[in-house]
Amino acid sequence: MKNQIYVTYGFGNVFDPNKLNTNLREFIGKPLKAWWGSPIDADFGWKEWCENEEFLIDNRYKSLEEYFSDNNKIFWTLKDNAKVLMINNINDLNTCIESQFIYYDSCDYFRHRWDFYQILRKGYSAIQLNDAAIGHCFRSTVESIMNGWDCESIVVLDPSMIIQLFDEKLNKVKWLYRLESKDPNNGLWYNTKGDYVWGCKDCKGEAKNLPMGYDDRYHIDGKNWFSSCSKEEDLLHWYSKEDAEYLLEHGFVFTKYLAKDYHEFQLETVFLKETAISRQEISFEDLF
């Protein structure tokens, strides 16, 4: 999937290909040694699975919070010419059998085995599982080949295809949270023309008291910087449940941005949308 972004934990914050020791020999449904990650927008990636299971894979860390800290994650993508074998459902696994990527082994406990070398020879650089449920199937079915693939994940067979993103600024990359209009020409206080539209005049929460006059922080270096919160729970401080329901009915949406360029102030963080790595919408149910 071209330009998809992934995250890997447990290796500091610098990707060093010289330290990789890839071994594609199959071992219980996985390569013996390979580079793993999860899409940054995964609903149930490695981080979510570990937190759900209270599973800490590396005893070098005292807690999950330490393991998943900002200085222990690497954002990366694959080169444009990388070919990824996508596994979305049982039909994709049957296609892998037809392509001789999976073969039947009557001596193996799980009955089916991957041929990772064959996949690599056919030009694929990685395998990506997009449905974590496939990794929890009974051994009597072909889905058993995904046993242990407990989350949405990707395994890279050819590490030369990996590109780390923002090496020198990686520790700055963080999620920021905001409320914004679905119409890019509109806004909560101002539209793109600079007209004062004040979409929160009927709000009951703290947002109605925010001073939103002209401020240099929104025009640093002549660019348009957008207001946000550094923590998702801060949105609940500024917007009550009633406010959120009203604003969502009037064309607004809660979002989070994986921001690269931002400035932190006492009550807010401003960031550049054009350099953000990812944008995701936050549902009302997830927030409240």
Protein backbone atom coordinates (compact mmCIF):
# COMPACT_ATOMS: atom_id res chain seq x y z
CA MET A 1 0.00 0.00 0.00
CA LYS A 2 1.87 3.02 -1.29
CA ASN A 3 2.73 5.70 1.27
CA GLN A 4 1.15 3.89 4.22
CA ILE A 5 2.93 4.69 7.46
CA TYR A 6 3.85 2.15 10.12
CA VAL A 7 5.20 2.23 13.65
CA THR A 8 7.58 -0.20 15.39
CA TYR A 9 8.31 -0.23 19.11
CA GLY A 10 11.19 -1.58 21.15
CA PHE A 11 14.18 -0.43 19.09
CA GLY A 12 14.73 3.12 20.28
CA ASN A 13 13.96 5.85 17.78
CA VAL A 14 16.53 5.26 15.04
CA PHE A 15 16.18 2.56 12.41
CA ASP A 16 19.53 0.84 11.85
CA PRO A 17 19.39 -1.69 8.97
CA ASN A 18 22.88 -2.90 9.87
CA LYS A 19 21.50 -4.38 13.08
CA LEU A 20 18.81 -6.39 11.30
CA ASN A 21 19.47 -10.10 11.03
CA THR A 22 16.59 -11.32 8.87
CA ASN A 23 15.96 -15.07 8.76
CA LEU A 24 12.94 -16.08 6.67
CA ARG A 25 12.85 -19.69 7.81
CA GLU A 26 9.27 -20.38 8.91
CA PHE A 27 8.76 -20.87 12.65
CA ILE A 28 5.20 -21.38 13.97
CA GLY A 29 3.63 -19.25 11.26
CA LYS A 30 6.19 -16.43 11.26
CA PRO A 31 9.68 -15.73 9.93
CA LEU A 32 12.30 -16.68 12.48
CA LYS A 33 13.69 -13.14 12.44
CA ALA A 34 12.19 -10.14 10.64
CA TRP A 35 11.12 -6.52 11.05
CA TRP A 36 7.54 -6.08 12.32
CA GLY A 37 5.25 -3.10 12.68
CA SER A 38 1.63 -1.96 12.61
CA PRO A 39 -0.11 0.73 10.53
CA ILE A 40 -0.30 3.93 12.57
CA ASP A 41 -4.07 4.08 11.92
CA ALA A 42 -4.72 0.45 12.88
CA ASP A 43 -7.83 -0.15 14.98
CA PHE A 44 -6.09 -3.03 16.78
CA GLY A 45 -2.35 -2.86 16.25
CA TRP A 46 0.56 -4.12 18.36
CA LYS A 47 0.14 -1.40 20.99
CA GLU A 48 -3.58 -2.04 21.41
CA TRP A 49 -3.07 -5.81 21.62
CA CYS A 50 -0.35 -5.52 24.28
CA GLU A 51 -2.46 -3.14 26.36
CA ASN A 52 -5.51 -5.35 26.00
CA GLU A 53 -3.58 -8.47 27.08
CA GLU A 54 -1.36 -6.61 29.57
CA PHE A 55 1.56 -8.19 27.71
CA LEU A 56 5.09 -6.80 28.02
CA ILE A 57 7.33 -8.61 25.53
CA ASP A 58 10.64 -7.05 26.55
CA ASN A 59 11.94 -7.38 30.12
CA ARG A 60 14.27 -4.42 29.58
CA TYR A 61 11.26 -2.23 30.32
CA LYS A 62 9.44 -1.87 33.62
CA SER A 63 6.02 -1.11 32.17
CA LEU A 64 3.99 -0.88 28.98
CA GLU A 65 4.09 2.91 29.31
CA GLU A 66 7.89 2.82 29.14
CA TYR A 67 7.91 0.34 26.25
CA PHE A 68 5.49 2.45 24.20
CA SER A 69 7.09 5.79 25.05
CA ASP A 70 7.89 8.38 22.38
CA ASN A 71 11.62 7.67 22.48
CA ASN A 72 11.06 3.97 21.78
CA LYS A 73 9.12 4.07 18.53
CA ILE A 74 10.11 4.34 14.90
CA PHE A 75 7.84 5.68 12.16
CA TRP A 76 8.58 4.23 8.76
CA THR A 77 7.18 3.50 5.34
CA LEU A 78 8.13 1.35 2.36
CA LYS A 79 9.70 2.44 -0.89
CA ASP A 80 7.28 3.17 -3.73
CA ASN A 81 8.34 0.02 -5.60
CA ALA A 82 7.73 -2.26 -2.61
CA LYS A 83 5.08 -4.90 -3.22
CA VAL A 84 2.99 -5.90 -0.19
CA LEU A 85 1.02 -9.15 0.06
CA MET A 86 -2.26 -8.08 1.67
CA ILE A 87 -4.25 -10.53 3.82
CA ASN A 88 -7.78 -9.22 4.32
CA ASN A 89 -9.85 -12.42 4.51
CA ILE A 90 -9.93 -16.19 4.01
CA ASN A 91 -10.07 -15.77 0.22
CA ASP A 92 -6.66 -14.09 0.30
CA LEU A 93 -5.24 -17.09 2.17
CA ASN A 94 -6.71 -19.50 -0.39
CA THR A 95 -5.08 -17.42 -3.11
CA CYS A 96 -1.76 -17.79 -1.27
CA ILE A 97 -2.19 -21.58 -1.40
CA GLU A 98 -2.86 -21.42 -5.14
CA SER A 99 0.27 -19.29 -5.54
CA GLN A 100 2.27 -21.82 -3.50
CA PHE A 101 2.99 -19.23 -0.82
CA ILE A 102 1.37 -21.59 1.69
CA TYR A 103 1.78 -25.34 1.58
CA TYR A 104 0.26 -28.27 3.44
CA ASP A 105 2.49 -30.15 5.86
CA SER A 106 0.94 -33.23 7.44
CA CYS A 107 3.78 -33.38 9.96
CA ASP A 108 3.20 -29.86 11.21
CA TYR A 109 0.89 -29.25 14.17
CA PHE A 110 -0.88 -26.40 12.40
CA ARG A 111 -0.96 -28.32 9.07
CA HIS A 112 -0.16 -25.28 6.94
CA ARG A 113 3.14 -23.43 6.59
CA TRP A 114 4.38 -20.28 4.90
CA ASP A 115 7.12 -20.31 2.30
CA PHE A 116 8.52 -16.85 2.93
CA TYR A 117 11.41 -17.38 0.51
CA GLN A 118 8.94 -18.17 -2.29
CA ILE A 119 6.99 -14.99 -1.49
CA LEU A 120 10.20 -12.98 -1.67
CA ARG A 121 11.18 -14.63 -4.96
CA LYS A 122 7.82 -13.60 -6.40
CA GLY A 123 8.67 -9.97 -5.75
CA TYR A 124 6.86 -9.30 -2.49
CA SER A 125 8.70 -7.24 0.11
CA ALA A 126 6.26 -7.68 2.99
CA ILE A 127 3.08 -9.38 4.22
CA GLN A 128 0.36 -7.30 5.86
CA LEU A 129 -2.56 -8.60 7.92
CA ASN A 130 -5.48 -6.17 7.97
CA ASP A 131 -7.97 -8.21 10.02
CA ALA A 132 -6.68 -9.25 13.44
CA ALA A 133 -9.52 -11.76 13.84
CA ILE A 134 -7.88 -14.05 11.26
CA GLY A 135 -5.05 -14.64 13.72
CA HIS A 136 -7.38 -16.33 16.23
CA CYS A 137 -8.71 -19.29 14.25
CA PHE A 138 -8.70 -23.03 14.87
CA ARG A 139 -5.78 -25.13 13.63
CA SER A 140 -8.07 -27.30 11.48
CA THR A 141 -8.54 -24.48 8.97
CA VAL A 142 -6.19 -22.67 6.63
CA GLU A 143 -6.50 -19.57 8.84
CA SER A 144 -4.28 -21.41 11.30
CA ILE A 145 -1.36 -20.20 9.18
CA MET A 146 -1.99 -16.82 10.84
CA ASN A 147 -1.82 -18.27 14.34
CA GLY A 148 0.00 -15.77 16.54
CA TRP A 149 -0.60 -12.83 14.20
CA ASP A 150 -2.69 -11.33 16.98
CA CYS A 151 -3.09 -7.81 15.65
CA GLU A 152 -3.12 -5.72 12.49
CA SER A 153 0.52 -5.98 11.49
CA ILE A 154 3.11 -6.10 8.75
CA VAL A 155 6.27 -8.20 8.52
CA VAL A 156 9.01 -7.05 6.16
CA LEU A 157 10.81 -9.75 4.19
CA ASP A 158 13.15 -7.34 2.41
CA PRO A 159 14.43 -4.72 4.91
CA SER A 160 16.12 -2.74 2.13
CA MET A 161 12.64 -1.42 1.31
CA ILE A 162 12.24 0.32 4.69
CA ILE A 163 12.46 4.11 4.89
CA GLN A 164 12.45 5.75 8.32
CA LEU A 165 10.47 8.95 8.50
CA PHE A 166 11.81 12.13 10.05
CA ASP A 167 14.95 10.65 11.63
CA GLU A 168 16.17 13.86 13.19
CA LYS A 169 12.75 15.03 14.37
CA LEU A 170 11.17 11.75 15.38
CA ASN A 171 10.78 12.62 19.03
CA LYS A 172 8.75 15.67 18.00
CA VAL A 173 6.10 13.66 16.18
CA LYS A 174 2.98 13.43 18.34
CA TRP A 175 -0.80 13.19 18.18
CA LEU A 176 -2.74 16.44 18.58
CA TYR A 177 -6.50 16.76 19.02
CA ARG A 178 -8.96 19.35 17.80
CA LEU A 179 -12.50 20.17 16.76
CA GLU A 180 -12.88 21.42 13.19
CA SER A 181 -15.44 22.00 10.50
CA LYS A 182 -16.02 19.36 7.83
CA ASP A 183 -16.03 22.27 5.40
CA PRO A 184 -12.40 23.41 4.95
CA ASN A 185 -13.70 26.89 4.08
CA ASN A 186 -15.41 27.21 7.44
CA GLY A 187 -14.14 27.17 11.02
CA LEU A 188 -15.18 27.28 14.65
CA TRP A 189 -14.16 30.93 14.97
CA TYR A 190 -12.92 32.04 11.54
CA ASN A 191 -13.23 30.87 7.96
CA THR A 192 -10.37 30.79 5.46
CA LYS A 193 -11.20 34.37 4.40
CA GLY A 194 -10.60 35.58 7.93
CA ASP A 195 -14.27 36.31 8.57
CA TYR A 196 -15.36 35.86 12.19
CA VAL A 197 -18.07 33.16 12.10
CA TRP A 198 -18.11 32.07 15.80
CA GLY A 199 -19.64 28.62 15.52
CA CYS A 200 -19.50 28.06 19.28
CA LYS A 201 -21.61 31.01 20.41
CA ASP A 202 -24.22 28.65 21.89
CA CYS A 203 -21.70 26.42 23.64
CA LYS A 204 -21.98 25.85 27.39
CA GLY A 205 -18.43 24.60 28.06
CA GLU A 206 -15.16 26.46 28.49
CA ALA A 207 -14.74 26.98 24.75
CA LYS A 208 -17.22 29.87 24.78
CA ASN A 209 -14.80 31.84 26.95
CA LEU A 210 -11.73 31.36 24.76
CA PRO A 211 -10.21 34.60 23.44
CA MET A 212 -9.90 34.03 19.71
CA GLY A 213 -8.88 37.42 18.42
CA TYR A 214 -5.85 37.89 16.17
CA ASP A 215 -2.77 36.19 17.65
CA ASP A 216 0.72 35.95 16.18
CA ARG A 217 0.97 32.31 17.22
CA TYR A 218 -1.39 31.39 14.36
CA HIS A 219 0.83 33.10 11.78
CA ILE A 220 4.37 32.06 12.73
CA ASP A 221 6.75 32.39 9.76
CA GLY A 222 3.85 33.57 7.63
CA LYS A 223 2.16 30.15 7.76
CA ASN A 224 -1.30 29.09 8.95
CA TRP A 225 -1.02 27.28 12.29
CA PHE A 226 -4.05 25.49 13.72
CA SER A 227 -5.12 25.27 17.34
CA SER A 228 -5.21 21.88 19.10
CA CYS A 229 -4.95 20.04 22.41
CA SER A 230 -1.97 17.89 23.36
CA LYS A 231 -4.18 15.29 25.05
CA GLU A 232 -7.47 13.80 23.93
CA GLU A 233 -9.00 14.27 27.39
CA ASP A 234 -8.36 18.02 27.12
CA LEU A 235 -11.15 18.17 24.56
CA LEU A 236 -13.57 17.24 27.35
CA HIS A 237 -12.42 20.30 29.28
CA TRP A 238 -13.23 22.67 26.44
CA TYR A 239 -16.36 20.99 25.09
CA SER A 240 -19.19 19.55 27.15
CA LYS A 241 -21.17 16.56 25.92
CA GLU A 242 -24.02 18.90 25.02
CA ASP A 243 -21.65 21.19 23.13
CA ALA A 244 -20.26 18.24 21.19
CA GLU A 245 -23.71 17.03 20.18
CA TYR A 246 -24.66 20.53 19.02
CA LEU A 247 -21.46 21.07 17.05
CA LEU A 248 -21.52 17.64 15.40
CA GLU A 249 -25.08 18.37 14.25
CA HIS A 250 -23.82 21.62 12.71
CA GLY A 251 -21.01 20.25 10.55
CA PHE A 252 -18.11 19.87 12.95
CA VAL A 253 -16.02 16.81 13.76
CA PHE A 254 -13.44 15.81 16.37
CA THR A 255 -10.09 14.84 14.83
CA LYS A 256 -6.55 13.93 15.72
CA TYR A 257 -3.44 14.75 13.68
CA LEU A 258 -0.05 13.09 13.85
CA ALA A 259 1.86 16.36 13.69
CA LYS A 260 5.45 16.95 12.74
CA ASP A 261 5.65 20.74 13.11
CA TYR A 262 4.03 22.33 16.14
CA HIS A 263 4.56 24.83 18.97
CA GLU A 264 3.31 24.24 22.50
CA PHE A 265 1.84 27.04 24.62
CA GLN A 266 0.28 27.05 28.07
CA LEU A 267 -3.31 26.31 27.03
CA GLU A 268 -2.95 25.03 23.49
CA THR A 269 -0.64 23.62 20.83
CA VAL A 270 -0.59 25.03 17.30
CA PHE A 271 0.50 22.93 14.34
CA LEU A 272 0.79 22.88 10.55
CA LYS A 273 -1.80 20.73 8.82
CA GLU A 274 0.19 20.52 5.59
CA THR A 275 3.06 18.64 7.24
CA ALA A 276 0.93 16.36 9.43
CA ILE A 277 1.60 12.67 8.81
CA SER A 278 -1.94 11.46 9.42
CA ARG A 279 -5.46 12.72 10.15
CA GLN A 280 -8.14 10.60 11.80
CA GLU A 281 -11.66 11.40 12.94
CA ILE A 282 -12.69 10.65 16.54
CA SER A 283 -16.20 9.36 17.07
CA PHE A 284 -18.53 10.87 19.65
CA GLU A 285 -18.83 7.47 21.35
CA ASP A 286 -15.04 7.08 21.69
CA LEU A 287 -14.69 10.54 23.19
CA PHE A 288 -17.67 10.59 25.53
